Amino acid sequence: MARMTPMERGMIIDIDLDPVQGSETGKVRPCVVVTNDIYNARVPVIQVVPITAWNEKKARIKTNVTLIPSEINGLDKKS
């Protein structure tokens, strides 16, 4: 079996989030890895946060963060 690239905190990766329950975010979406690198190197499960498209309403929520697309993060639109 081929080895996977180690996941690092802050990486943005595309993940198929289906199937969903209730109001969970579904489909294939970019997600940011939030678990720390020590945990990621030792445990075969990572924690991620889905990224959704930016809009004015979501921007007003204080816990949301705006991500600007760049070559580094690989996003193609403001999220």
PDB file of N, CA and C in Angstrom:
ATOM      1  N   MET A   1       0.833  -1.174   0.000  1.00  0.00           N
ATOM      2  CA  MET A   1       0.000   0.000   0.000  1.00  0.00           C
ATOM      3  C   MET A   1       0.883   1.244   0.000  1.00  0.00           C
ATOM      4  N   ALA A   2       0.535   2.215  -0.831  1.00  0.00           N
ATOM      5  CA  ALA A   2       1.317   3.457  -0.901  1.00  0.00           C
ATOM      6  C   ALA A   2       1.080   4.305   0.345  1.00  0.00           C
ATOM      7  N   ARG A   3       2.117   4.993   0.780  1.00  0.00           N
ATOM      8  CA  ARG A   3       1.991   5.873   1.944  1.00  0.00           C
ATOM      9  C   ARG A   3       1.332   7.179   1.526  1.00  0.00           C
ATOM     10  N   MET A   4       0.482   7.679   2.390  1.00  0.00           N
ATOM     11  CA  MET A   4      -0.175   8.961   2.138  1.00  0.00           C
ATOM     12  C   MET A   4       0.721  10.098   2.611  1.00  0.00           C
ATOM     13  N   THR A   5       0.546  11.262   2.012  1.00  0.00           N
ATOM     14  CA  THR A   5       1.253  12.452   2.476  1.00  0.00           C
ATOM     15  C   THR A   5       0.750  12.780   3.872  1.00  0.00           C
ATOM     16  N   PRO A   6       1.651  13.034   4.831  1.00  0.00           N
ATOM     17  CA  PRO A   6       1.175  13.369   6.175  1.00  0.00           C
ATOM     18  C   PRO A   6       0.361  14.663   6.161  1.00  0.00           C
ATOM     19  N   MET A   7      -0.735  14.643   6.886  1.00  0.00           N
ATOM     20  CA  MET A   7      -1.572  15.832   6.991  1.00  0.00           C
ATOM     21  C   MET A   7      -0.959  16.777   8.020  1.00  0.00           C
ATOM     22  N   GLU A   8      -0.879  18.053   7.684  1.00  0.00           N
ATOM     23  CA  GLU A   8      -0.329  19.056   8.589  1.00  0.00           C
ATOM     24  C   GLU A   8      -1.400  20.084   8.909  1.00  0.00           C
ATOM     25  N   ARG A   9      -1.355  20.604  10.130  1.00  0.00           N
ATOM     26  CA  ARG A   9      -2.310  21.618  10.548  1.00  0.00           C
ATOM     27  C   ARG A   9      -2.262  22.798   9.578  1.00  0.00           C
ATOM     28  N   GLY A  10      -3.436  23.247   9.162  1.00  0.00           N
ATOM     29  CA  GLY A  10      -3.527  24.370   8.236  1.00  0.00           C
ATOM     30  C   GLY A  10      -3.641  23.958   6.776  1.00  0.00           C
ATOM     31  N   MET A  11      -3.354  22.690   6.452  1.00  0.00           N
ATOM     32  CA  MET A  11      -3.496  22.225   5.069  1.00  0.00           C
ATOM     33  C   MET A  11      -4.959  22.305   4.658  1.00  0.00           C
ATOM     34  N   ILE A  12      -5.197  22.607   3.397  1.00  0.00           N
ATOM     35  CA  ILE A  12      -6.551  22.587   2.854  1.00  0.00           C
ATOM     36  C   ILE A  12      -6.624  21.419   1.887  1.00  0.00           C
ATOM     37  N   ILE A  13      -7.562  20.506   2.171  1.00  0.00           N
ATOM     38  CA  ILE A  13      -7.708  19.295   1.361  1.00  0.00           C
ATOM     39  C   ILE A  13      -9.174  19.124   0.967  1.00  0.00           C
ATOM     40  N   ASP A  14      -9.421  18.534  -0.205  1.00  0.00           N
ATOM     41  CA  ASP A  14     -10.789  18.250  -0.639  1.00  0.00           C
ATOM     42  C   ASP A  14     -11.238  16.933  -0.025  1.00  0.00           C
ATOM     43  N   ILE A  15     -12.422  16.952   0.602  1.00  0.00           N
ATOM     44  CA  ILE A  15     -12.960  15.766   1.268  1.00  0.00           C
ATOM     45  C   ILE A  15     -14.421  15.598   0.866  1.00  0.00           C
ATOM     46  N   ASP A  16     -14.821  14.350   0.583  1.00  0.00           N
ATOM     47  CA  ASP A  16     -16.226  14.036   0.329  1.00  0.00           C
ATOM     48  C   ASP A  16     -16.907  13.892   1.685  1.00  0.00           C
ATOM     49  N   LEU A  17     -17.759  14.828   2.039  1.00  0.00           N
ATOM     50  CA  LEU A  17     -18.396  14.859   3.356  1.00  0.00           C
ATOM     51  C   LEU A  17     -19.708  14.075   3.414  1.00  0.00           C
ATOM     52  N   ASP A  18     -20.104  13.453   2.309  1.00  0.00           N
ATOM     53  CA  ASP A  18     -21.325  12.642   2.304  1.00  0.00           C
ATOM     54  C   ASP A  18     -21.037  11.261   2.870  1.00  0.00           C
ATOM     55  N   PRO A  19     -21.982  10.593   3.490  1.00  0.00           N
ATOM     56  CA  PRO A  19     -23.347  11.030   3.768  1.00  0.00           C
ATOM     57  C   PRO A  19     -23.389  11.964   4.970  1.00  0.00           C
ATOM     58  N   VAL A  20     -24.433  12.776   5.035  1.00  0.00           N
ATOM     59  CA  VAL A  20     -24.583  13.741   6.124  1.00  0.00           C
ATOM     60  C   VAL A  20     -25.799  13.390   6.969  1.00  0.00           C
ATOM     61  N   GLN A  21     -25.847  13.982   8.155  1.00  0.00           N
ATOM     62  CA  GLN A  21     -27.017  13.858   9.027  1.00  0.00           C
ATOM     63  C   GLN A  21     -27.469  15.258   9.398  1.00  0.00           C
ATOM     64  N   GLY A  22     -28.772  15.491   9.364  1.00  0.00           N
ATOM     65  CA  GLY A  22     -29.299  16.791   9.777  1.00  0.00           C
ATOM     66  C   GLY A  22     -28.776  17.927   8.919  1.00  0.00           C
ATOM     67  N   SER A  23     -28.251  18.967   9.575  1.00  0.00           N
ATOM     68  CA  SER A  23     -27.807  20.166   8.852  1.00  0.00           C
ATOM     69  C   SER A  23     -26.307  20.175   8.568  1.00  0.00           C
ATOM     70  N   GLU A  24     -25.659  19.012   8.635  1.00  0.00           N
ATOM     71  CA  GLU A  24     -24.221  18.944   8.356  1.00  0.00           C
ATOM     72  C   GLU A  24     -23.930  19.372   6.919  1.00  0.00           C
ATOM     73  N   THR A  25     -22.731  19.883   6.697  1.00  0.00           N
ATOM     74  CA  THR A  25     -22.279  20.279   5.368  1.00  0.00           C
ATOM     75  C   THR A  25     -21.953  19.031   4.563  1.00  0.00           C
ATOM     76  N   GLY A  26     -22.439  18.957   3.322  1.00  0.00           N
ATOM     77  CA  GLY A  26     -22.210  17.790   2.488  1.00  0.00           C
ATOM     78  C   GLY A  26     -21.424  18.105   1.232  1.00  0.00           C
ATOM     79  N   LYS A  27     -21.366  17.151   0.325  1.00  0.00           N
ATOM     80  CA  LYS A  27     -20.659  17.207  -0.960  1.00  0.00           C
ATOM     81  C   LYS A  27     -19.141  17.177  -0.759  1.00  0.00           C
ATOM     82  N   VAL A  28     -18.433  17.250  -1.880  1.00  0.00           N
ATOM     83  CA  VAL A  28     -16.970  17.376  -1.822  1.00  0.00           C
ATOM     84  C   VAL A  28     -16.665  18.845  -1.583  1.00  0.00           C
ATOM     85  N   ARG A  29     -15.931  19.125  -0.522  1.00  0.00           N
ATOM     86  CA  ARG A  29     -15.623  20.510  -0.155  1.00  0.00           C
ATOM     87  C   ARG A  29     -14.180  20.618   0.308  1.00  0.00           C
ATOM     88  N   PRO A  30     -13.599  21.803   0.147  1.00  0.00           N
ATOM     89  CA  PRO A  30     -12.289  22.016   0.762  1.00  0.00           C
ATOM     90  C   PRO A  30     -12.473  22.071   2.278  1.00  0.00           C
ATOM     91  N   CYS A  31     -11.527  21.487   2.997  1.00  0.00           N
ATOM     92  CA  CYS A  31     -11.560  21.477   4.460  1.00  0.00           C
ATOM     93  C   CYS A  31     -10.168  21.810   4.973  1.00  0.00           C
ATOM     94  N   VAL A  32     -10.108  22.531   6.084  1.00  0.00           N
ATOM     95  CA  VAL A  32      -8.823  22.875   6.687  1.00  0.00           C
ATOM     96  C   VAL A  32      -8.564  21.917   7.852  1.00  0.00           C
ATOM     97  N   VAL A  33      -7.340  21.376   7.904  1.00  0.00           N
ATOM     98  CA  VAL A  33      -6.934  20.476   8.986  1.00  0.00           C
ATOM     99  C   VAL A  33      -6.699  21.315  10.239  1.00  0.00           C
ATOM    100  N   VAL A  34      -7.364  20.943  11.354  1.00  0.00           N
ATOM    101  CA  VAL A  34      -7.231  21.720  12.589  1.00  0.00           C
ATOM    102  C   VAL A  34      -6.488  20.977  13.697  1.00  0.00           C
ATOM    103  N   THR A  35      -6.309  19.666  13.571  1.00  0.00           N
ATOM    104  CA  THR A  35      -5.550  18.945  14.595  1.00  0.00           C
ATOM    105  C   THR A  35      -4.071  19.269  14.445  1.00  0.00           C
ATOM    106  N   ASN A  36      -3.336  19.216  15.569  1.00  0.00           N
ATOM    107  CA  ASN A  36      -1.918  19.592  15.522  1.00  0.00           C
ATOM    108  C   ASN A  36      -1.067  18.495  14.881  1.00  0.00           C
ATOM    109  N   ASP A  37       0.126  18.862  14.452  1.00  0.00           N
ATOM    110  CA  ASP A  37       0.991  17.962  13.690  1.00  0.00           C
ATOM    111  C   ASP A  37       1.438  16.741  14.487  1.00  0.00           C
ATOM    112  N   ILE A  38       1.650  16.881  15.789  1.00  0.00           N
ATOM    113  CA  ILE A  38       2.057  15.733  16.614  1.00  0.00           C
ATOM    114  C   ILE A  38       0.943  14.694  16.621  1.00  0.00           C
ATOM    115  N   TYR A  39      -0.278  15.139  16.832  1.00  0.00           N
ATOM    116  CA  TYR A  39      -1.441  14.247  16.808  1.00  0.00           C
ATOM    117  C   TYR A  39      -1.572  13.602  15.428  1.00  0.00           C
ATOM    118  N   ASN A  40      -1.468  14.405  14.376  1.00  0.00           N
ATOM    119  CA  ASN A  40      -1.638  13.898  13.012  1.00  0.00           C
ATOM    120  C   ASN A  40      -0.613  12.827  12.664  1.00  0.00           C
ATOM    121  N   ALA A  41       0.603  12.931  13.198  1.00  0.00           N
ATOM    122  CA  ALA A  41       1.656  11.956  12.910  1.00  0.00           C
ATOM    123  C   ALA A  41       1.423  10.634  13.641  1.00  0.00           C
ATOM    124  N   ARG A  42       0.663  10.659  14.729  1.00  0.00           N
ATOM    125  CA  ARG A  42       0.514   9.468  15.571  1.00  0.00           C
ATOM    126  C   ARG A  42      -0.835   8.771  15.458  1.00  0.00           C
ATOM    127  N   VAL A  43      -1.864   9.490  15.064  1.00  0.00           N
ATOM    128  CA  VAL A  43      -3.221   8.950  15.058  1.00  0.00           C
ATOM    129  C   VAL A  43      -3.752   8.949  13.624  1.00  0.00           C
ATOM    130  N   PRO A  44      -4.388   7.852  13.190  1.00  0.00           N
ATOM    131  CA  PRO A  44      -4.833   7.773  11.794  1.00  0.00           C
ATOM    132  C   PRO A  44      -6.129   8.538  11.491  1.00  0.00           C
ATOM    133  N   VAL A  45      -6.580   9.387  12.397  1.00  0.00           N
ATOM    134  CA  VAL A  45      -7.795  10.179  12.191  1.00  0.00           C
ATOM    135  C   VAL A  45      -7.441  11.649  12.397  1.00  0.00           C
ATOM    136  N   ILE A  46      -7.893  12.506  11.484  1.00  0.00           N
ATOM    137  CA  ILE A  46      -7.638  13.941  11.630  1.00  0.00           C
ATOM    138  C   ILE A  46      -8.964  14.667  11.811  1.00  0.00           C
ATOM    139  N   GLN A  47      -8.909  15.857  12.365  1.00  0.00           N
ATOM    140  CA  GLN A  47     -10.103  16.695  12.487  1.00  0.00           C
ATOM    141  C   GLN A  47      -9.980  17.841  11.493  1.00  0.00           C
ATOM    142  N   VAL A  48     -11.081  18.090  10.783  1.00  0.00           N
ATOM    143  CA  VAL A  48     -11.098  19.144   9.773  1.00  0.00           C
ATOM    144  C   VAL A  48     -12.325  20.025   9.969  1.00  0.00           C
ATOM    145  N   VAL A  49     -12.266  21.215   9.384  1.00  0.00           N
ATOM    146  CA  VAL A  49     -13.410  22.125   9.361  1.00  0.00           C
ATOM    147  C   VAL A  49     -13.721  22.415   7.895  1.00  0.00           C
ATOM    148  N   PRO A  50     -14.971  22.159   7.457  1.00  0.00           N
ATOM    149  CA  PRO A  50     -15.330  22.449   6.069  1.00  0.00           C
ATOM    150  C   PRO A  50     -15.279  23.946   5.774  1.00  0.00           C
ATOM    151  N   ILE A  51     -14.923  24.268   4.537  1.00  0.00           N
ATOM    152  CA  ILE A  51     -14.883  25.652   4.069  1.00  0.00           C
ATOM    153  C   ILE A  51     -16.046  25.838   3.102  1.00  0.00           C
ATOM    154  N   THR A  52     -16.795  26.927   3.269  1.00  0.00           N
ATOM    155  CA  THR A  52     -17.905  27.225   2.369  1.00  0.00           C
ATOM    156  C   THR A  52     -17.665  28.572   1.696  1.00  0.00           C
ATOM    157  N   ALA A  53     -18.434  28.817   0.647  1.00  0.00           N
ATOM    158  CA  ALA A  53     -18.288  30.073  -0.096  1.00  0.00           C
ATOM    159  C   ALA A  53     -18.621  31.265   0.796  1.00  0.00           C
ATOM    160  N   TRP A  54     -17.880  32.357   0.601  1.00  0.00           N
ATOM    161  CA  TRP A  54     -18.066  33.586   1.373  1.00  0.00           C
ATOM    162  C   TRP A  54     -19.332  34.292   0.940  1.00  0.00           C
ATOM    163  N   ASN A  55     -20.029  34.871   1.904  1.00  0.00           N
ATOM    164  CA  ASN A  55     -21.103  35.806   1.580  1.00  0.00           C
ATOM    165  C   ASN A  55     -21.216  36.819   2.711  1.00  0.00           C
ATOM    166  N   GLU A  56     -21.874  37.926   2.441  1.00  0.00           N
ATOM    167  CA  GLU A  56     -21.958  39.044   3.398  1.00  0.00           C
ATOM    168  C   GLU A  56     -22.571  38.613   4.728  1.00  0.00           C
ATOM    169  N   LYS A  57     -23.598  37.789   4.684  1.00  0.00           N
ATOM    170  CA  LYS A  57     -24.274  37.343   5.910  1.00  0.00           C
ATOM    171  C   LYS A  57     -23.323  36.532   6.790  1.00  0.00           C
ATOM    172  N   LYS A  58     -22.591  35.593   6.187  1.00  0.00           N
ATOM    173  CA  LYS A  58     -21.650  34.770   6.955  1.00  0.00           C
ATOM    174  C   LYS A  58     -20.484  35.597   7.488  1.00  0.00           C
ATOM    175  N   ALA A  59     -20.107  36.641   6.764  1.00  0.00           N
ATOM    176  CA  ALA A  59     -18.972  37.472   7.172  1.00  0.00           C
ATOM    177  C   ALA A  59     -19.251  38.223   8.473  1.00  0.00           C
ATOM    178  N   ARG A  60     -20.519  38.443   8.793  1.00  0.00           N
ATOM    179  CA  ARG A  60     -20.878  39.170  10.021  1.00  0.00           C
ATOM    180  C   ARG A  60     -20.806  38.300  11.269  1.00  0.00           C
ATOM    181  N   ILE A  61     -20.710  36.992  11.117  1.00  0.00           N
ATOM    182  CA  ILE A  61     -20.633  36.093  12.274  1.00  0.00           C
ATOM    183  C   ILE A  61     -19.208  36.145  12.810  1.00  0.00           C
ATOM    184  N   LYS A  62     -19.069  36.519  14.072  1.00  0.00           N
ATOM    185  CA  LYS A  62     -17.746  36.787  14.650  1.00  0.00           C
ATOM    186  C   LYS A  62     -16.822  35.577  14.674  1.00  0.00           C
ATOM    187  N   THR A  63     -17.361  34.369  14.685  1.00  0.00           N
ATOM    188  CA  THR A  63     -16.502  33.178  14.730  1.00  0.00           C
ATOM    189  C   THR A  63     -16.031  32.739  13.348  1.00  0.00           C
ATOM    190  N   ASN A  64     -16.561  33.331  12.290  1.00  0.00           N
ATOM    191  CA  ASN A  64     -16.148  32.972  10.934  1.00  0.00           C
ATOM    192  C   ASN A  64     -14.887  33.725  10.528  1.00  0.00           C
ATOM    193  N   VAL A  65     -14.103  33.104   9.684  1.00  0.00           N
ATOM    194  CA  VAL A  65     -12.858  33.679   9.183  1.00  0.00           C
ATOM    195  C   VAL A  65     -12.938  33.729   7.663  1.00  0.00           C
ATOM    196  N   THR A  66     -12.547  34.843   7.067  1.00  0.00           N
ATOM    197  CA  THR A  66     -12.537  34.966   5.611  1.00  0.00           C
ATOM    198  C   THR A  66     -11.199  34.482   5.070  1.00  0.00           C
ATOM    199  N   LEU A  67     -11.249  33.606   4.059  1.00  0.00           N
ATOM    200  CA  LEU A  67     -10.045  33.108   3.393  1.00  0.00           C
ATOM    201  C   LEU A  67     -10.014  33.673   1.980  1.00  0.00           C
ATOM    202  N   ILE A  68      -8.920  34.318   1.626  1.00  0.00           N
ATOM    203  CA  ILE A  68      -8.734  34.898   0.297  1.00  0.00           C
ATOM    204  C   ILE A  68      -8.025  33.862  -0.577  1.00  0.00           C
ATOM    205  N   PRO A  69      -8.521  33.597  -1.793  1.00  0.00           N
ATOM    206  CA  PRO A  69      -7.878  32.601  -2.645  1.00  0.00           C
ATOM    207  C   PRO A  69      -6.446  32.987  -3.016  1.00  0.00           C
ATOM    208  N   SER A  70      -5.576  31.974  -3.074  1.00  0.00           N
ATOM    209  CA  SER A  70      -4.178  32.194  -3.463  1.00  0.00           C
ATOM    210  C   SER A  70      -3.605  30.890  -4.003  1.00  0.00           C
ATOM    211  N   GLU A  71      -2.431  30.978  -4.602  1.00  0.00           N
ATOM    212  CA  GLU A  71      -1.751  29.765  -5.071  1.00  0.00           C
ATOM    213  C   GLU A  71      -1.383  28.872  -3.900  1.00  0.00           C
ATOM    214  N   ILE A  72      -1.066  29.467  -2.765  1.00  0.00           N
ATOM    215  CA  ILE A  72      -0.638  28.692  -1.599  1.00  0.00           C
ATOM    216  C   ILE A  72      -1.779  27.849  -1.046  1.00  0.00           C
ATOM    217  N   ASN A  73      -2.984  28.441  -0.870  1.00  0.00           N
ATOM    218  CA  ASN A  73      -4.066  27.661  -0.277  1.00  0.00           C
ATOM    219  C   ASN A  73      -4.887  26.890  -1.304  1.00  0.00           C
ATOM    220  N   GLY A  74      -4.742  27.203  -2.578  1.00  0.00           N
ATOM    221  CA  GLY A  74      -5.415  26.449  -3.628  1.00  0.00           C
ATOM    222  C   GLY A  74      -6.898  26.756  -3.791  1.00  0.00           C
ATOM    223  N   LEU A  75      -7.420  27.718  -3.048  1.00  0.00           N
ATOM    224  CA  LEU A  75      -8.829  28.077  -3.196  1.00  0.00           C
ATOM    225  C   LEU A  75      -9.014  28.899  -4.462  1.00  0.00           C
ATOM    226  N   ASP A  76     -10.177  28.722  -5.120  1.00  0.00           N
ATOM    227  CA  ASP A  76     -10.423  29.479  -6.344  1.00  0.00           C
ATOM    228  C   ASP A  76     -11.429  30.611  -6.151  1.00  0.00           C
ATOM    229  N   LYS A  77     -11.991  30.716  -4.936  1.00  0.00           N
ATOM    230  CA  LYS A  77     -12.893  31.830  -4.643  1.00  0.00           C
ATOM    231  C   LYS A  77     -12.832  32.170  -3.162  1.00  0.00           C
ATOM    232  N   LYS A  78     -13.259  33.386  -2.838  1.00  0.00           N
ATOM    233  CA  LYS A  78     -13.285  33.849  -1.453  1.00  0.00           C
ATOM    234  C   LYS A  78     -14.170  32.908  -0.646  1.00  0.00           C
ATOM    235  N   SER A  79     -13.687  32.485   0.496  1.00  0.00           N
ATOM    236  CA  SER A  79     -14.423  31.512   1.306  1.00  0.00           C
ATOM    237  C   SER A  79     -14.463  31.950   2.750  1.00  0.00           C
TER     238      SER A  79
END
